[in-house]
């Protein structure tokens, strides 16, 4: 089973959304994965396993992303993360809709996608 797109990867105050796993893998550095900086979720709230090659130098290691669970056990957590992050962007003056507190997960992902394309 593959992650359902888009996927969200980040750390507590810095999140990115990706429309492909390959794009995410290319932008994540293995050293940060080694330091356990990132957490990731697929579009339904499944936790992602973000790993790296361990048989090469860390600077050359490729990142891998796969599902860490089959059921979307973290959809509420992802919704909270997105509401908080989008709310912080709105507070900084970015144009974010007012309905984020009542928005469903798929709506939050759509808002984040639209924001990230600007």
C-alpha atoms as a PDB file:
ATOM      1  CA  UNK A   1       0.000   0.000   0.000  1.00  0.00           C
ATOM      2  CA  UNK A   2       1.295   3.448  -0.927  1.00  0.00           C
ATOM      3  CA  UNK A   3       0.758   6.766   0.868  1.00  0.00           C
ATOM      4  CA  UNK A   4      -2.312   8.630  -0.339  1.00  0.00           C
ATOM      5  CA  UNK A   5      -1.318  11.996  -1.776  1.00  0.00           C
ATOM      6  CA  UNK A   6      -0.699  14.726  -0.890  1.00  0.00           C
ATOM      7  CA  UNK A   7       1.661  14.040   1.978  1.00  0.00           C
ATOM      8  CA  UNK A   8       2.594  16.451   4.757  1.00  0.00           C
ATOM      9  CA  UNK A   9       6.099  16.389   6.226  1.00  0.00           C
ATOM     10  CA  UNK A  10       7.671  18.665   8.753  1.00  0.00           C
ATOM     11  CA  UNK A  11       8.505  19.588  12.287  1.00  0.00           C
ATOM     12  CA  UNK A  12       6.430  21.407  14.920  1.00  0.00           C
ATOM     13  CA  UNK A  13       6.414  24.902  13.357  1.00  0.00           C
ATOM     14  CA  UNK A  14       7.508  24.205   9.797  1.00  0.00           C
ATOM     15  CA  UNK A  15       5.383  22.021   7.527  1.00  0.00           C
ATOM     16  CA  UNK A  16       5.522  21.274   3.820  1.00  0.00           C
ATOM     17  CA  UNK A  17       2.982  19.595   1.567  1.00  0.00           C
ATOM     18  CA  UNK A  18       4.008  17.446  -1.393  1.00  0.00           C
ATOM     19  CA  UNK A  19       1.992  16.130  -4.315  1.00  0.00           C
ATOM     20  CA  UNK A  20       4.432  13.259  -4.851  1.00  0.00           C
ATOM     21  CA  UNK A  21       6.550  11.069  -2.614  1.00  0.00           C
ATOM     22  CA  UNK A  22       9.506  11.676  -4.961  1.00  0.00           C
ATOM     23  CA  UNK A  23       9.309  15.449  -4.422  1.00  0.00           C
ATOM     24  CA  UNK A  24       9.339  14.923  -0.664  1.00  0.00           C
ATOM     25  CA  UNK A  25      12.272  12.518  -0.825  1.00  0.00           C
ATOM     26  CA  UNK A  26      14.266  15.002  -2.912  1.00  0.00           C
ATOM     27  CA  UNK A  27      13.746  17.882  -0.501  1.00  0.00           C
ATOM     28  CA  UNK A  28      14.458  16.001   2.736  1.00  0.00           C
ATOM     29  CA  UNK A  29      18.062  15.606   3.825  1.00  0.00           C
ATOM     30  CA  UNK A  30      19.181  12.276   5.262  1.00  0.00           C
ATOM     31  CA  UNK A  31      21.051  13.995   8.110  1.00  0.00           C
ATOM     32  CA  UNK A  32      17.750  15.476   9.308  1.00  0.00           C
ATOM     33  CA  UNK A  33      16.089  12.076   9.065  1.00  0.00           C
ATOM     34  CA  UNK A  34      18.935  10.605  11.108  1.00  0.00           C
ATOM     35  CA  UNK A  35      18.386  13.326  13.719  1.00  0.00           C
ATOM     36  CA  UNK A  36      14.649  12.460  13.714  1.00  0.00           C
ATOM     37  CA  UNK A  37      13.680  16.025  12.813  1.00  0.00           C
ATOM     38  CA  UNK A  38      10.706  15.121  10.606  1.00  0.00           C
ATOM     39  CA  UNK A  39       7.338  13.500  11.021  1.00  0.00           C
ATOM     40  CA  UNK A  40       5.051  12.832   8.086  1.00  0.00           C
ATOM     41  CA  UNK A  41       1.466  11.893   7.249  1.00  0.00           C
ATOM     42  CA  UNK A  42      -0.404  10.867   4.151  1.00  0.00           C
ATOM     43  CA  UNK A  43      -3.663  12.550   3.071  1.00  0.00           C
ATOM     44  CA  UNK A  44      -5.798  10.242   5.208  1.00  0.00           C
ATOM     45  CA  UNK A  45      -3.730  10.633   8.371  1.00  0.00           C
ATOM     46  CA  UNK A  46      -1.516   7.568   8.166  1.00  0.00           C
ATOM     47  CA  UNK A  47       1.841   8.059   9.822  1.00  0.00           C
ATOM     48  CA  UNK A  48       4.774   7.850   7.416  1.00  0.00           C
ATOM     49  CA  UNK A  49       8.060   6.068   7.976  1.00  0.00           C
ATOM     50  CA  UNK A  50      10.842   8.384   6.833  1.00  0.00           C
ATOM     51  CA  UNK A  51      14.174   6.586   6.630  1.00  0.00           C
ATOM     52  CA  UNK A  52      17.531   6.749   4.861  1.00  0.00           C
ATOM     53  CA  UNK A  53      20.185   4.437   3.427  1.00  0.00           C
ATOM     54  CA  UNK A  54      22.531   3.372   6.175  1.00  0.00           C
ATOM     55  CA  UNK A  55      25.219   1.663   4.108  1.00  0.00           C
ATOM     56  CA  UNK A  56      26.575   4.900   2.561  1.00  0.00           C
ATOM     57  CA  UNK A  57      27.936   8.189   3.871  1.00  0.00           C
ATOM     58  CA  UNK A  58      25.132  10.304   5.298  1.00  0.00           C
ATOM     59  CA  UNK A  59      25.749  13.080   2.766  1.00  0.00           C
ATOM     60  CA  UNK A  60      25.117  10.597  -0.068  1.00  0.00           C
ATOM     61  CA  UNK A  61      22.268   8.653   1.527  1.00  0.00           C
ATOM     62  CA  UNK A  62      18.913   8.615  -0.198  1.00  0.00           C
ATOM     63  CA  UNK A  63      15.723   9.138   1.771  1.00  0.00           C
ATOM     64  CA  UNK A  64      12.849   6.661   1.641  1.00  0.00           C
ATOM     65  CA  UNK A  65       9.215   7.269   2.571  1.00  0.00           C
ATOM     66  CA  UNK A  66       6.628   4.567   3.182  1.00  0.00           C
ATOM     67  CA  UNK A  67       3.553   3.981   5.308  1.00  0.00           C
ATOM     68  CA  UNK A  68       4.237   3.258   8.969  1.00  0.00           C
ATOM     69  CA  UNK A  69       0.654   2.032   9.472  1.00  0.00           C
ATOM     70  CA  UNK A  70      -2.181   0.669   7.366  1.00  0.00           C
ATOM     71  CA  UNK A  71      -5.039   2.445   9.112  1.00  0.00           C
ATOM     72  CA  UNK A  72      -5.235   6.250   9.304  1.00  0.00           C
ATOM     73  CA  UNK A  73      -4.755   6.399  13.073  1.00  0.00           C
ATOM     74  CA  UNK A  74      -3.395   9.961  13.053  1.00  0.00           C
ATOM     75  CA  UNK A  75      -6.037  11.880  11.060  1.00  0.00           C
ATOM     76  CA  UNK A  76      -7.145  13.944  14.080  1.00  0.00           C
ATOM     77  CA  UNK A  77      -3.512  14.730  14.908  1.00  0.00           C
ATOM     78  CA  UNK A  78      -2.844  15.835  11.317  1.00  0.00           C
ATOM     79  CA  UNK A  79      -5.998  17.979  11.319  1.00  0.00           C
ATOM     80  CA  UNK A  80      -4.841  19.702  14.514  1.00  0.00           C
ATOM     81  CA  UNK A  81      -1.354  20.259  13.076  1.00  0.00           C
ATOM     82  CA  UNK A  82      -2.782  21.784   9.888  1.00  0.00           C
ATOM     83  CA  UNK A  83      -5.247  24.010  11.780  1.00  0.00           C
ATOM     84  CA  UNK A  84      -2.470  25.301  14.031  1.00  0.00           C
ATOM     85  CA  UNK A  85      -0.021  25.822  11.172  1.00  0.00           C
ATOM     86  CA  UNK A  86      -2.528  27.493   8.849  1.00  0.00           C
ATOM     87  CA  UNK A  87      -3.735  29.624  11.780  1.00  0.00           C
ATOM     88  CA  UNK A  88      -0.176  30.784  12.456  1.00  0.00           C
ATOM     89  CA  UNK A  89       0.213  31.709   8.780  1.00  0.00           C
ATOM     90  CA  UNK A  90      -3.053  33.661   8.928  1.00  0.00           C
ATOM     91  CA  UNK A  91      -1.799  35.488  12.028  1.00  0.00           C
ATOM     92  CA  UNK A  92       1.315  36.475  10.059  1.00  0.00           C
ATOM     93  CA  UNK A  93      -0.876  38.164   7.448  1.00  0.00           C
ATOM     94  CA  UNK A  94      -1.173  35.390   4.861  1.00  0.00           C
ATOM     95  CA  UNK A  95      -4.520  34.972   3.123  1.00  0.00           C
ATOM     96  CA  UNK A  96      -5.941  31.856   4.762  1.00  0.00           C
ATOM     97  CA  UNK A  97      -9.738  31.255   4.817  1.00  0.00           C
ATOM     98  CA  UNK A  98     -11.594  31.831   8.078  1.00  0.00           C
ATOM     99  CA  UNK A  99     -13.157  28.354   8.148  1.00  0.00           C
ATOM    100  CA  UNK A 100     -10.052  26.365   9.112  1.00  0.00           C
ATOM    101  CA  UNK A 101     -11.383  25.489  12.576  1.00  0.00           C
ATOM    102  CA  UNK A 102     -14.422  23.736  11.100  1.00  0.00           C
ATOM    103  CA  UNK A 103     -12.740  22.411   7.947  1.00  0.00           C
ATOM    104  CA  UNK A 104     -12.406  18.675   7.356  1.00  0.00           C
ATOM    105  CA  UNK A 105      -9.007  17.102   6.749  1.00  0.00           C
ATOM    106  CA  UNK A 106      -9.365  17.060   2.952  1.00  0.00           C
ATOM    107  CA  UNK A 107     -10.388  20.743   3.010  1.00  0.00           C
ATOM    108  CA  UNK A 108      -7.382  21.648   5.171  1.00  0.00           C
ATOM    109  CA  UNK A 109      -5.097  19.838   2.727  1.00  0.00           C
ATOM    110  CA  UNK A 110      -6.658  21.755  -0.182  1.00  0.00           C
ATOM    111  CA  UNK A 111      -6.119  25.071   1.636  1.00  0.00           C
ATOM    112  CA  UNK A 112      -2.501  24.152   2.382  1.00  0.00           C
ATOM    113  CA  UNK A 113      -1.908  23.103  -1.238  1.00  0.00           C
ATOM    114  CA  UNK A 114      -3.303  26.381  -2.543  1.00  0.00           C
ATOM    115  CA  UNK A 115      -1.197  28.367  -0.073  1.00  0.00           C
ATOM    116  CA  UNK A 116       1.997  26.455  -0.883  1.00  0.00           C
ATOM    117  CA  UNK A 117       1.628  27.114  -4.630  1.00  0.00           C
ATOM    118  CA  UNK A 118       1.791  30.884  -4.115  1.00  0.00           C
END
